[in-house]
Amino acid sequence: MIILYTLPGCGICAMAKTKMQQRGIPFIEKDFSEIATIIKSDHAPALKVSENTILNSPTEIVSWINNYGM
């Protein structure tokens, strides 16, 4: 299950959400505060793509979205 952690008013979060919807990538959206302390970060978004992989860099997230299913 892919989880996109976002914050209200976050432009990068909105862009990631839109790109995932456009690409037909199934995901669940959750509040970033649920994971911020785990990944020790104060900025969203974060993308949990597997049990052991959480991406928190906008560059990594966009790259993952662009390469999804390839």
N, C-alpha and C. Protein backbone atom coordinates (compact mmCIF):
# COMPACT_ATOMS: atom_id res chain seq x y z
N MET A 1 0.84 -1.18 0.00
CA MET A 1 0.00 0.00 0.00
C MET A 1 0.89 1.24 0.00
N ILE A 2 0.65 2.13 -0.93
CA ILE A 2 1.40 3.37 -1.04
C ILE A 2 0.66 4.43 -0.23
N ILE A 3 1.41 5.14 0.61
CA ILE A 3 0.83 6.18 1.45
C ILE A 3 1.54 7.50 1.18
N LEU A 4 0.76 8.53 0.88
CA LEU A 4 1.29 9.88 0.68
C LEU A 4 0.93 10.69 1.91
N TYR A 5 1.96 11.14 2.63
CA TYR A 5 1.77 11.96 3.83
C TYR A 5 1.86 13.43 3.41
N THR A 6 0.83 14.20 3.72
CA THR A 6 0.76 15.59 3.29
C THR A 6 0.41 16.52 4.45
N LEU A 7 0.57 17.81 4.19
CA LEU A 7 0.14 18.87 5.10
C LEU A 7 -0.76 19.83 4.34
N PRO A 8 -1.76 20.42 5.01
CA PRO A 8 -2.60 21.42 4.35
C PRO A 8 -1.76 22.60 3.87
N GLY A 9 -2.03 23.08 2.68
CA GLY A 9 -1.33 24.24 2.14
C GLY A 9 0.05 23.96 1.60
N CYS A 10 0.47 22.71 1.55
CA CYS A 10 1.80 22.35 1.04
C CYS A 10 1.72 22.19 -0.48
N GLY A 11 2.39 23.08 -1.19
CA GLY A 11 2.37 23.05 -2.65
C GLY A 11 2.99 21.79 -3.24
N ILE A 12 4.08 21.33 -2.66
CA ILE A 12 4.74 20.12 -3.16
C ILE A 12 3.84 18.91 -2.91
N CYS A 13 3.16 18.90 -1.78
CA CYS A 13 2.21 17.82 -1.47
C CYS A 13 1.11 17.77 -2.52
N ALA A 14 0.55 18.93 -2.83
CA ALA A 14 -0.53 19.00 -3.81
C ALA A 14 -0.05 18.54 -5.18
N MET A 15 1.16 18.92 -5.56
CA MET A 15 1.72 18.51 -6.85
C MET A 15 1.91 17.00 -6.89
N ALA A 16 2.44 16.42 -5.81
CA ALA A 16 2.65 14.97 -5.77
C ALA A 16 1.32 14.24 -5.86
N LYS A 17 0.32 14.71 -5.14
CA LYS A 17 -1.01 14.11 -5.16
C LYS A 17 -1.60 14.16 -6.57
N THR A 18 -1.51 15.31 -7.21
CA THR A 18 -2.04 15.47 -8.57
C THR A 18 -1.32 14.56 -9.55
N LYS A 19 0.01 14.49 -9.48
CA LYS A 19 0.77 13.63 -10.39
C LYS A 19 0.40 12.17 -10.20
N MET A 20 0.22 11.75 -8.95
CA MET A 20 -0.14 10.36 -8.69
C MET A 20 -1.53 10.06 -9.23
N GLN A 21 -2.47 10.98 -9.06
CA GLN A 21 -3.81 10.79 -9.59
C GLN A 21 -3.79 10.73 -11.12
N GLN A 22 -3.02 11.61 -11.75
CA GLN A 22 -2.91 11.64 -13.21
C GLN A 22 -2.31 10.34 -13.76
N ARG A 23 -1.37 9.78 -13.04
CA ARG A 23 -0.71 8.54 -13.48
C ARG A 23 -1.49 7.30 -13.09
N GLY A 24 -2.57 7.46 -12.34
CA GLY A 24 -3.37 6.33 -11.92
C GLY A 24 -2.70 5.47 -10.86
N ILE A 25 -1.86 6.10 -10.05
CA ILE A 25 -1.16 5.38 -8.99
C ILE A 25 -2.06 5.33 -7.76
N PRO A 26 -2.42 4.14 -7.31
CA PRO A 26 -3.29 4.03 -6.14
C PRO A 26 -2.53 4.40 -4.86
N PHE A 27 -3.13 5.24 -4.03
CA PHE A 27 -2.49 5.66 -2.79
C PHE A 27 -3.53 6.07 -1.77
N ILE A 28 -3.09 6.11 -0.54
CA ILE A 28 -3.89 6.64 0.56
C ILE A 28 -3.19 7.90 1.04
N GLU A 29 -3.96 8.95 1.30
CA GLU A 29 -3.40 10.20 1.81
C GLU A 29 -3.58 10.25 3.31
N LYS A 30 -2.51 10.58 4.03
CA LYS A 30 -2.56 10.69 5.49
C LYS A 30 -1.87 11.97 5.94
N ASP A 31 -2.14 12.34 7.18
CA ASP A 31 -1.56 13.53 7.80
C ASP A 31 -0.06 13.31 8.06
N PHE A 32 0.75 14.25 7.60
CA PHE A 32 2.20 14.15 7.75
C PHE A 32 2.64 14.04 9.20
N SER A 33 1.87 14.63 10.12
CA SER A 33 2.27 14.60 11.53
C SER A 33 2.35 13.17 12.06
N GLU A 34 1.66 12.22 11.40
CA GLU A 34 1.71 10.82 11.83
C GLU A 34 3.09 10.19 11.62
N ILE A 35 3.89 10.77 10.74
CA ILE A 35 5.17 10.15 10.40
C ILE A 35 6.37 11.07 10.65
N ALA A 36 6.14 12.35 10.89
CA ALA A 36 7.22 13.32 11.02
C ALA A 36 8.27 12.92 12.05
N THR A 37 7.84 12.42 13.20
CA THR A 37 8.82 12.05 14.23
C THR A 37 9.57 10.77 13.86
N ILE A 38 8.95 9.89 13.09
CA ILE A 38 9.61 8.65 12.67
C ILE A 38 10.76 8.95 11.71
N ILE A 39 10.51 9.86 10.76
CA ILE A 39 11.55 10.16 9.77
C ILE A 39 12.38 11.38 10.17
N LYS A 40 12.07 11.94 11.34
CA LYS A 40 12.81 13.08 11.89
C LYS A 40 12.90 14.23 10.87
N SER A 41 11.75 14.63 10.37
CA SER A 41 11.69 15.71 9.39
C SER A 41 10.56 16.65 9.75
N ASP A 42 10.72 17.91 9.38
CA ASP A 42 9.66 18.88 9.63
C ASP A 42 9.05 19.39 8.34
N HIS A 43 9.37 18.74 7.22
CA HIS A 43 8.77 19.17 5.96
C HIS A 43 8.14 18.00 5.22
N ALA A 44 6.99 18.26 4.64
CA ALA A 44 6.25 17.28 3.85
C ALA A 44 6.54 17.55 2.38
N PRO A 45 6.23 16.68 1.49
CA PRO A 45 5.53 15.42 1.69
C PRO A 45 6.49 14.28 2.02
N ALA A 46 5.91 13.15 2.35
CA ALA A 46 6.65 11.90 2.48
C ALA A 46 5.84 10.84 1.76
N LEU A 47 6.52 9.91 1.14
CA LEU A 47 5.85 8.86 0.39
C LEU A 47 6.36 7.51 0.87
N LYS A 48 5.46 6.73 1.46
CA LYS A 48 5.82 5.40 1.92
C LYS A 48 5.46 4.42 0.81
N VAL A 49 6.49 3.86 0.18
CA VAL A 49 6.26 3.00 -0.97
C VAL A 49 6.36 1.52 -0.62
N SER A 50 6.94 1.21 0.53
CA SER A 50 6.99 -0.16 1.02
C SER A 50 7.19 -0.10 2.53
N GLU A 51 7.15 -1.24 3.16
CA GLU A 51 7.30 -1.29 4.62
C GLU A 51 8.60 -0.64 5.08
N ASN A 52 9.66 -0.79 4.28
CA ASN A 52 10.98 -0.30 4.68
C ASN A 52 11.46 0.92 3.90
N THR A 53 10.64 1.47 3.02
CA THR A 53 11.08 2.59 2.19
C THR A 53 10.14 3.77 2.30
N ILE A 54 10.67 4.87 2.85
CA ILE A 54 9.93 6.12 2.93
C ILE A 54 10.77 7.20 2.27
N LEU A 55 10.21 7.83 1.24
CA LEU A 55 10.91 8.91 0.54
C LEU A 55 10.45 10.24 1.12
N ASN A 56 11.40 11.15 1.37
CA ASN A 56 11.03 12.45 1.95
C ASN A 56 11.65 13.61 1.18
N SER A 57 12.34 13.32 0.11
CA SER A 57 12.91 14.36 -0.74
C SER A 57 11.96 14.57 -1.93
N PRO A 58 11.56 15.82 -2.19
CA PRO A 58 10.69 16.06 -3.35
C PRO A 58 11.26 15.49 -4.65
N THR A 59 12.56 15.57 -4.83
CA THR A 59 13.19 15.03 -6.03
C THR A 59 13.01 13.52 -6.11
N GLU A 60 13.22 12.83 -5.00
CA GLU A 60 13.04 11.37 -4.98
C GLU A 60 11.58 10.99 -5.20
N ILE A 61 10.67 11.75 -4.62
CA ILE A 61 9.25 11.46 -4.76
C ILE A 61 8.81 11.61 -6.22
N VAL A 62 9.18 12.72 -6.85
CA VAL A 62 8.81 12.95 -8.24
C VAL A 62 9.44 11.89 -9.14
N SER A 63 10.68 11.55 -8.89
CA SER A 63 11.35 10.52 -9.68
C SER A 63 10.62 9.19 -9.54
N TRP A 64 10.23 8.83 -8.31
CA TRP A 64 9.52 7.57 -8.08
C TRP A 64 8.19 7.58 -8.83
N ILE A 65 7.44 8.69 -8.74
CA ILE A 65 6.15 8.80 -9.43
C ILE A 65 6.35 8.64 -10.94
N ASN A 66 7.34 9.34 -11.48
CA ASN A 66 7.59 9.29 -12.93
C ASN A 66 7.99 7.91 -13.40
N ASN A 67 8.63 7.13 -12.55
CA ASN A 67 9.11 5.80 -12.93
C ASN A 67 8.16 4.68 -12.50
N TYR A 68 7.05 5.02 -11.87
CA TYR A 68 6.11 4.01 -11.38
C TYR A 68 5.62 3.13 -12.53
N GLY A 69 5.69 1.83 -12.33
CA GLY A 69 5.19 0.88 -13.31
C GLY A 69 6.09 0.62 -14.49
N MET A 70 7.27 1.18 -14.49
CA MET A 70 8.19 0.97 -15.62
C MET A 70 9.11 -0.18 -15.34
